[in-house]
């Protein structure tokens, strides 16, 4: 049985589906400002065991640098696990970033997003990812 603060994972997935769709459109256009509009201004992005970036200015610069490197890509998630409830949703998944032009996969790995709801809008508060090693 779910605790009072927890919601059904399928309901959490339904809640975030349009948010992920909007965010994915920004990766498919390599739109740094658009991607930042989905991030909480006090958000954090962590590459596990490597780096972390915090706050609006630093995250905006990170997105710009990242998209200069990658170009447009599809952010594909699989094996998603949703948890949380209320104003917080956690999503853990396998990820694959595939170039929009079909020229290949940029990277594969694991990702965790923590989304926070403020003023009836969902923002990515925390992203942690790990890149699989090339074989």
N, C-alpha and C. Protein backbone atom coordinates (compact mmCIF):
# COMPACT_ATOMS: atom_id res chain seq x y z
N UNK A 1 0.84 -1.18 0.00
CA UNK A 1 0.00 0.00 0.00
C UNK A 1 0.88 1.25 0.00
N UNK A 2 0.46 2.25 -0.75
CA UNK A 2 1.23 3.49 -0.84
C UNK A 2 1.02 4.32 0.41
N UNK A 3 2.10 5.00 0.83
CA UNK A 3 1.95 5.89 1.98
C UNK A 3 1.09 7.07 1.58
N UNK A 4 0.71 7.87 2.56
CA UNK A 4 -0.17 9.00 2.32
C UNK A 4 0.43 9.98 1.32
N UNK A 5 1.76 10.14 1.32
CA UNK A 5 2.42 11.09 0.43
C UNK A 5 2.78 10.48 -0.92
N UNK A 6 2.70 9.16 -1.07
CA UNK A 6 3.09 8.51 -2.31
C UNK A 6 1.90 8.39 -3.24
N UNK A 7 2.20 8.41 -4.54
CA UNK A 7 1.17 8.24 -5.55
C UNK A 7 1.52 7.03 -6.40
N UNK A 8 0.54 6.52 -7.10
CA UNK A 8 0.73 5.41 -8.01
C UNK A 8 1.75 5.80 -9.08
N UNK A 9 2.76 4.95 -9.35
CA UNK A 9 3.77 5.29 -10.35
C UNK A 9 3.20 5.62 -11.74
N UNK A 10 2.14 4.93 -12.14
CA UNK A 10 1.55 5.22 -13.46
C UNK A 10 0.92 6.61 -13.48
N UNK A 11 0.39 7.06 -12.36
CA UNK A 11 -0.15 8.42 -12.26
C UNK A 11 0.98 9.45 -12.33
N UNK A 12 2.08 9.17 -11.67
CA UNK A 12 3.24 10.07 -11.72
C UNK A 12 3.78 10.17 -13.15
N UNK A 13 3.82 9.04 -13.84
CA UNK A 13 4.28 9.04 -15.24
C UNK A 13 3.33 9.87 -16.10
N UNK A 14 2.03 9.74 -15.86
CA UNK A 14 1.03 10.51 -16.61
C UNK A 14 1.22 12.01 -16.36
N UNK A 15 1.48 12.37 -15.13
CA UNK A 15 1.67 13.79 -14.77
C UNK A 15 2.86 14.38 -15.52
N UNK A 16 3.97 13.62 -15.57
CA UNK A 16 5.19 14.16 -16.18
C UNK A 16 5.27 13.98 -17.69
N UNK A 17 4.39 13.17 -18.29
CA UNK A 17 4.47 12.91 -19.73
C UNK A 17 4.50 14.20 -20.56
N UNK A 18 3.59 15.16 -20.33
CA UNK A 18 3.66 16.38 -21.14
C UNK A 18 4.89 17.24 -20.83
N UNK A 19 5.39 17.16 -19.60
CA UNK A 19 6.58 17.92 -19.22
C UNK A 19 7.79 17.34 -19.94
N UNK A 20 7.94 16.01 -19.92
CA UNK A 20 9.04 15.38 -20.65
C UNK A 20 8.93 15.65 -22.15
N UNK A 21 7.72 15.64 -22.69
CA UNK A 21 7.55 15.92 -24.12
C UNK A 21 8.05 17.33 -24.45
N UNK A 22 7.73 18.29 -23.62
CA UNK A 22 8.21 19.66 -23.83
C UNK A 22 9.71 19.77 -23.69
N UNK A 23 10.26 19.13 -22.66
CA UNK A 23 11.71 19.15 -22.48
C UNK A 23 12.41 18.48 -23.66
N UNK A 24 11.87 17.35 -24.12
CA UNK A 24 12.48 16.63 -25.24
C UNK A 24 12.50 17.49 -26.50
N UNK A 25 11.50 18.31 -26.71
CA UNK A 25 11.51 19.20 -27.88
C UNK A 25 12.70 20.15 -27.83
N UNK A 26 13.13 20.53 -26.62
CA UNK A 26 14.28 21.44 -26.51
C UNK A 26 15.58 20.72 -26.84
N UNK A 27 15.70 19.42 -26.50
CA UNK A 27 16.92 18.68 -26.84
C UNK A 27 16.96 18.42 -28.34
N UNK A 28 15.79 18.21 -28.94
CA UNK A 28 15.71 17.93 -30.38
C UNK A 28 16.03 19.17 -31.21
N UNK A 29 15.98 20.35 -30.59
CA UNK A 29 16.32 21.60 -31.26
C UNK A 29 17.64 22.18 -30.75
N UNK A 30 18.28 21.50 -29.80
CA UNK A 30 19.50 22.00 -29.14
C UNK A 30 19.28 23.43 -28.64
N UNK A 31 18.15 23.63 -27.95
CA UNK A 31 17.71 24.93 -27.47
C UNK A 31 18.05 25.07 -25.98
N UNK A 32 19.20 25.68 -25.70
CA UNK A 32 19.67 25.79 -24.31
C UNK A 32 18.71 26.58 -23.44
N UNK A 33 18.23 27.72 -23.93
CA UNK A 33 17.30 28.53 -23.13
C UNK A 33 15.99 27.77 -22.91
N UNK A 34 15.55 27.05 -23.93
CA UNK A 34 14.35 26.24 -23.78
C UNK A 34 14.52 25.15 -22.74
N UNK A 35 15.66 24.46 -22.77
CA UNK A 35 15.93 23.43 -21.77
C UNK A 35 15.97 24.03 -20.38
N UNK A 36 16.58 25.19 -20.27
CA UNK A 36 16.68 25.85 -18.96
C UNK A 36 15.30 26.22 -18.43
N UNK A 37 14.34 26.47 -19.28
CA UNK A 37 12.99 26.83 -18.81
C UNK A 37 12.33 25.67 -18.07
N UNK A 38 12.86 24.45 -18.22
CA UNK A 38 12.33 23.30 -17.50
C UNK A 38 13.10 23.02 -16.20
N UNK A 39 14.21 23.74 -16.02
CA UNK A 39 15.03 23.54 -14.83
C UNK A 39 14.61 24.50 -13.73
N UNK A 40 14.67 24.03 -12.51
CA UNK A 40 14.45 24.90 -11.36
C UNK A 40 15.63 25.88 -11.29
N UNK A 41 15.39 27.16 -10.97
CA UNK A 41 16.49 28.13 -10.92
C UNK A 41 17.59 27.75 -9.93
N UNK A 42 17.28 26.94 -8.93
CA UNK A 42 18.27 26.45 -7.98
C UNK A 42 18.64 25.00 -8.27
N UNK A 43 18.39 24.57 -9.51
CA UNK A 43 18.62 23.19 -9.90
C UNK A 43 20.08 22.79 -9.92
N UNK A 44 20.27 21.46 -9.99
CA UNK A 44 21.60 20.87 -10.00
C UNK A 44 21.64 19.77 -11.05
N UNK A 45 22.73 19.71 -11.81
CA UNK A 45 23.00 18.58 -12.70
C UNK A 45 24.32 17.97 -12.27
N UNK A 46 24.31 16.66 -12.04
CA UNK A 46 25.48 15.94 -11.54
C UNK A 46 25.83 14.82 -12.51
N UNK A 47 27.08 14.81 -12.97
CA UNK A 47 27.60 13.62 -13.63
C UNK A 47 28.26 12.82 -12.53
N UNK A 48 27.67 11.67 -12.22
CA UNK A 48 28.08 10.89 -11.05
C UNK A 48 29.59 10.68 -11.03
N UNK A 49 30.17 10.93 -9.88
CA UNK A 49 31.60 10.76 -9.61
C UNK A 49 32.49 11.67 -10.46
N UNK A 50 31.91 12.72 -11.08
CA UNK A 50 32.72 13.56 -11.96
C UNK A 50 32.53 15.05 -11.66
N UNK A 51 31.35 15.60 -12.00
CA UNK A 51 31.12 17.03 -11.88
C UNK A 51 29.71 17.31 -11.40
N UNK A 52 29.52 18.55 -10.91
CA UNK A 52 28.18 19.03 -10.61
C UNK A 52 28.10 20.49 -11.01
N UNK A 53 26.90 20.89 -11.43
CA UNK A 53 26.65 22.27 -11.85
C UNK A 53 25.38 22.73 -11.15
N UNK A 54 25.41 23.94 -10.59
CA UNK A 54 24.32 24.44 -9.76
C UNK A 54 23.93 25.84 -10.18
N UNK A 55 22.63 26.11 -10.21
CA UNK A 55 22.12 27.47 -10.39
C UNK A 55 21.87 27.84 -11.84
N UNK A 56 21.02 28.84 -12.01
CA UNK A 56 20.51 29.20 -13.34
C UNK A 56 21.62 29.60 -14.32
N UNK A 57 22.51 30.49 -13.93
CA UNK A 57 23.54 30.96 -14.86
C UNK A 57 24.47 29.83 -15.27
N UNK A 58 24.93 29.06 -14.30
CA UNK A 58 25.85 27.95 -14.61
C UNK A 58 25.17 26.88 -15.43
N UNK A 59 23.90 26.57 -15.13
CA UNK A 59 23.17 25.55 -15.89
C UNK A 59 22.91 26.01 -17.32
N UNK A 60 22.56 27.29 -17.51
CA UNK A 60 22.35 27.81 -18.85
C UNK A 60 23.63 27.68 -19.67
N UNK A 61 24.76 28.03 -19.08
CA UNK A 61 26.05 27.88 -19.77
C UNK A 61 26.36 26.42 -20.06
N UNK A 62 26.02 25.53 -19.12
CA UNK A 62 26.23 24.10 -19.33
C UNK A 62 25.41 23.61 -20.52
N UNK A 63 24.13 23.99 -20.59
CA UNK A 63 23.30 23.59 -21.72
C UNK A 63 23.88 24.10 -23.04
N UNK A 64 24.31 25.36 -23.07
CA UNK A 64 24.88 25.93 -24.30
C UNK A 64 26.12 25.16 -24.73
N UNK A 65 27.02 24.90 -23.81
CA UNK A 65 28.23 24.15 -24.13
C UNK A 65 27.89 22.73 -24.57
N UNK A 66 26.96 22.11 -23.87
CA UNK A 66 26.56 20.73 -24.19
C UNK A 66 25.99 20.66 -25.60
N UNK A 67 25.07 21.57 -25.95
CA UNK A 67 24.45 21.52 -27.27
C UNK A 67 25.44 21.90 -28.38
N UNK A 68 26.42 22.76 -28.08
CA UNK A 68 27.48 23.03 -29.06
C UNK A 68 28.24 21.75 -29.37
N UNK A 69 28.41 20.90 -28.35
CA UNK A 69 29.13 19.64 -28.51
C UNK A 69 28.26 18.57 -29.19
N UNK A 70 27.01 18.43 -28.76
CA UNK A 70 26.17 17.32 -29.24
C UNK A 70 25.36 17.65 -30.47
N UNK A 71 24.91 18.88 -30.60
CA UNK A 71 23.89 19.20 -31.58
C UNK A 71 22.56 18.63 -31.11
N UNK A 72 21.54 18.70 -31.95
CA UNK A 72 20.22 18.19 -31.57
C UNK A 72 20.22 16.67 -31.37
N UNK A 73 19.45 16.22 -30.37
CA UNK A 73 19.36 14.78 -30.12
C UNK A 73 18.01 14.41 -29.50
N UNK A 74 17.68 13.13 -29.65
CA UNK A 74 16.50 12.55 -29.00
C UNK A 74 16.95 12.02 -27.64
N UNK A 75 16.25 12.42 -26.59
CA UNK A 75 16.52 11.95 -25.24
C UNK A 75 15.57 10.78 -24.98
N UNK A 76 16.06 9.57 -25.15
CA UNK A 76 15.23 8.37 -24.99
C UNK A 76 15.46 7.78 -23.60
N UNK A 77 14.35 7.48 -22.93
CA UNK A 77 14.39 6.84 -21.62
C UNK A 77 13.72 5.47 -21.72
N UNK A 78 14.23 4.49 -20.98
CA UNK A 78 13.62 3.17 -20.92
C UNK A 78 13.75 2.64 -19.50
N UNK A 79 13.01 1.57 -19.20
CA UNK A 79 13.02 0.98 -17.86
C UNK A 79 12.78 2.03 -16.78
N UNK A 80 11.84 2.93 -17.04
CA UNK A 80 11.56 4.03 -16.12
C UNK A 80 10.90 3.52 -14.83
N UNK A 81 11.33 4.10 -13.72
CA UNK A 81 10.72 3.83 -12.42
C UNK A 81 10.35 5.18 -11.82
N UNK A 82 9.07 5.34 -11.50
CA UNK A 82 8.56 6.59 -10.93
C UNK A 82 8.23 6.37 -9.46
N UNK A 83 8.55 7.39 -8.64
CA UNK A 83 8.18 7.35 -7.23
C UNK A 83 7.95 8.78 -6.76
N UNK A 84 7.38 8.90 -5.58
CA UNK A 84 7.14 10.23 -5.03
C UNK A 84 5.67 10.53 -4.89
N UNK A 85 5.39 11.80 -4.86
CA UNK A 85 4.02 12.26 -4.71
C UNK A 85 4.01 13.68 -4.20
N UNK A 86 2.84 14.26 -4.18
CA UNK A 86 2.73 15.65 -3.75
C UNK A 86 3.46 16.56 -4.71
N UNK A 87 4.44 17.30 -4.21
CA UNK A 87 5.20 18.26 -5.02
C UNK A 87 6.53 17.71 -5.52
N UNK A 88 6.76 16.39 -5.39
CA UNK A 88 8.02 15.79 -5.80
C UNK A 88 7.78 14.51 -6.59
N UNK A 89 8.50 14.35 -7.70
CA UNK A 89 8.47 13.10 -8.45
C UNK A 89 9.91 12.73 -8.80
N UNK A 90 10.26 11.48 -8.54
CA UNK A 90 11.58 10.96 -8.87
C UNK A 90 11.41 9.97 -10.03
N UNK A 91 12.27 10.12 -11.05
CA UNK A 91 12.27 9.22 -12.20
C UNK A 91 13.67 8.66 -12.35
N UNK A 92 13.78 7.33 -12.34
CA UNK A 92 15.04 6.66 -12.59
C UNK A 92 14.87 5.86 -13.87
N UNK A 93 15.89 5.90 -14.76
CA UNK A 93 15.74 5.25 -16.06
C UNK A 93 17.10 4.97 -16.69
N UNK A 94 17.07 4.12 -17.69
CA UNK A 94 18.18 4.00 -18.63
C UNK A 94 17.97 5.11 -19.65
N UNK A 95 19.06 5.67 -20.16
CA UNK A 95 18.93 6.73 -21.16
C UNK A 95 19.81 6.43 -22.36
N UNK A 96 19.38 6.99 -23.48
CA UNK A 96 20.16 6.94 -24.70
C UNK A 96 19.93 8.26 -25.41
N UNK A 97 21.02 8.94 -25.76
CA UNK A 97 20.93 10.19 -26.51
C UNK A 97 21.34 9.89 -27.94
N UNK A 98 20.37 10.01 -28.85
CA UNK A 98 20.58 9.67 -30.25
C UNK A 98 20.48 10.93 -31.11
N UNK A 99 21.48 11.15 -31.94
CA UNK A 99 21.51 12.34 -32.80
C UNK A 99 20.27 12.38 -33.69
N UNK A 100 19.66 13.55 -33.80
CA UNK A 100 18.46 13.74 -34.61
C UNK A 100 18.73 13.41 -36.08
N UNK A 101 19.94 13.69 -36.55
CA UNK A 101 20.26 13.45 -37.96
C UNK A 101 20.51 11.97 -38.27
N UNK A 102 20.38 11.10 -37.25
CA UNK A 102 20.53 9.66 -37.46
C UNK A 102 21.97 9.19 -37.55
N UNK A 103 22.93 10.04 -37.22
CA UNK A 103 24.34 9.67 -37.37
C UNK A 103 24.91 8.89 -36.19
N UNK A 104 24.08 8.56 -35.22
CA UNK A 104 24.57 7.71 -34.14
C UNK A 104 24.10 8.11 -32.76
N UNK A 105 24.55 7.33 -31.79
CA UNK A 105 24.23 7.54 -30.39
C UNK A 105 25.36 8.34 -29.76
N UNK A 106 25.01 9.39 -29.04
CA UNK A 106 26.00 10.23 -28.36
C UNK A 106 26.50 9.52 -27.11
N UNK A 107 25.55 9.00 -26.32
CA UNK A 107 25.92 8.26 -25.11
C UNK A 107 24.73 7.46 -24.62
N UNK A 108 25.06 6.49 -23.77
CA UNK A 108 24.07 5.67 -23.07
C UNK A 108 24.46 5.66 -21.60
N UNK A 109 23.46 5.45 -20.75
CA UNK A 109 23.77 5.38 -19.33
C UNK A 109 22.52 5.33 -18.50
N UNK A 110 22.68 5.75 -17.25
CA UNK A 110 21.58 5.80 -16.29
C UNK A 110 21.33 7.26 -15.93
N UNK A 111 20.06 7.57 -15.65
CA UNK A 111 19.71 8.93 -15.27
C UNK A 111 18.67 8.89 -14.16
N UNK A 112 18.76 9.88 -13.26
CA UNK A 112 17.74 10.08 -12.24
C UNK A 112 17.36 11.56 -12.29
N UNK A 113 16.07 11.82 -12.38
CA UNK A 113 15.54 13.18 -12.32
C UNK A 113 14.67 13.32 -11.08
N UNK A 114 14.83 14.42 -10.39
CA UNK A 114 13.90 14.77 -9.31
C UNK A 114 13.20 16.05 -9.75
N UNK A 115 11.89 15.95 -9.90
CA UNK A 115 11.06 17.07 -10.35
C UNK A 115 10.36 17.67 -9.15
N UNK A 116 10.28 18.99 -9.13
CA UNK A 116 9.63 19.73 -8.03
C UNK A 116 8.52 20.60 -8.62
N UNK A 117 7.37 20.55 -7.99
CA UNK A 117 6.24 21.36 -8.44
C UNK A 117 6.20 22.66 -7.65
N UNK A 118 6.18 23.77 -8.40
CA UNK A 118 6.04 25.10 -7.79
C UNK A 118 5.06 25.90 -8.63
N UNK A 119 4.11 26.53 -7.98
CA UNK A 119 3.11 27.36 -8.68
C UNK A 119 2.47 26.60 -9.84
N UNK A 120 2.09 25.36 -9.60
CA UNK A 120 1.41 24.51 -10.58
C UNK A 120 2.25 24.19 -11.82
N UNK A 121 3.56 24.33 -11.73
CA UNK A 121 4.45 23.97 -12.83
C UNK A 121 5.55 23.06 -12.30
N UNK A 122 5.92 22.06 -13.10
CA UNK A 122 6.96 21.12 -12.72
C UNK A 122 8.31 21.58 -13.25
N UNK A 123 9.33 21.55 -12.38
CA UNK A 123 10.69 21.92 -12.74
C UNK A 123 11.64 20.78 -12.35
N UNK A 124 12.64 20.54 -13.19
CA UNK A 124 13.66 19.58 -12.85
C UNK A 124 14.57 20.23 -11.80
N UNK A 125 14.55 19.67 -10.61
CA UNK A 125 15.32 20.21 -9.50
C UNK A 125 16.71 19.57 -9.44
N UNK A 126 16.79 18.31 -9.86
CA UNK A 126 18.04 17.57 -9.75
C UNK A 126 18.11 16.54 -10.86
N UNK A 127 19.25 16.50 -11.54
CA UNK A 127 19.52 15.42 -12.50
C UNK A 127 20.87 14.83 -12.14
N UNK A 128 20.91 13.51 -12.06
CA UNK A 128 22.16 12.80 -11.87
C UNK A 128 22.25 11.74 -12.96
N UNK A 129 23.38 11.72 -13.65
CA UNK A 129 23.53 10.72 -14.70
C UNK A 129 24.90 10.05 -14.62
N UNK A 130 24.93 8.86 -15.17
CA UNK A 130 26.16 8.07 -15.26
C UNK A 130 26.24 7.56 -16.69
N UNK A 131 27.39 7.75 -17.31
CA UNK A 131 27.59 7.34 -18.69
C UNK A 131 28.20 5.94 -18.71
N UNK A 132 27.59 5.04 -19.51
CA UNK A 132 28.17 3.71 -19.68
C UNK A 132 29.51 3.83 -20.39
N UNK A 133 30.44 2.97 -20.03
CA UNK A 133 31.76 2.93 -20.68
C UNK A 133 31.62 2.29 -22.05
N UNK A 134 32.39 2.81 -23.00
CA UNK A 134 32.43 2.21 -24.34
C UNK A 134 33.09 0.84 -24.24
N UNK A 135 32.60 -0.09 -25.02
CA UNK A 135 33.20 -1.44 -25.01
C UNK A 135 34.21 -1.58 -26.11
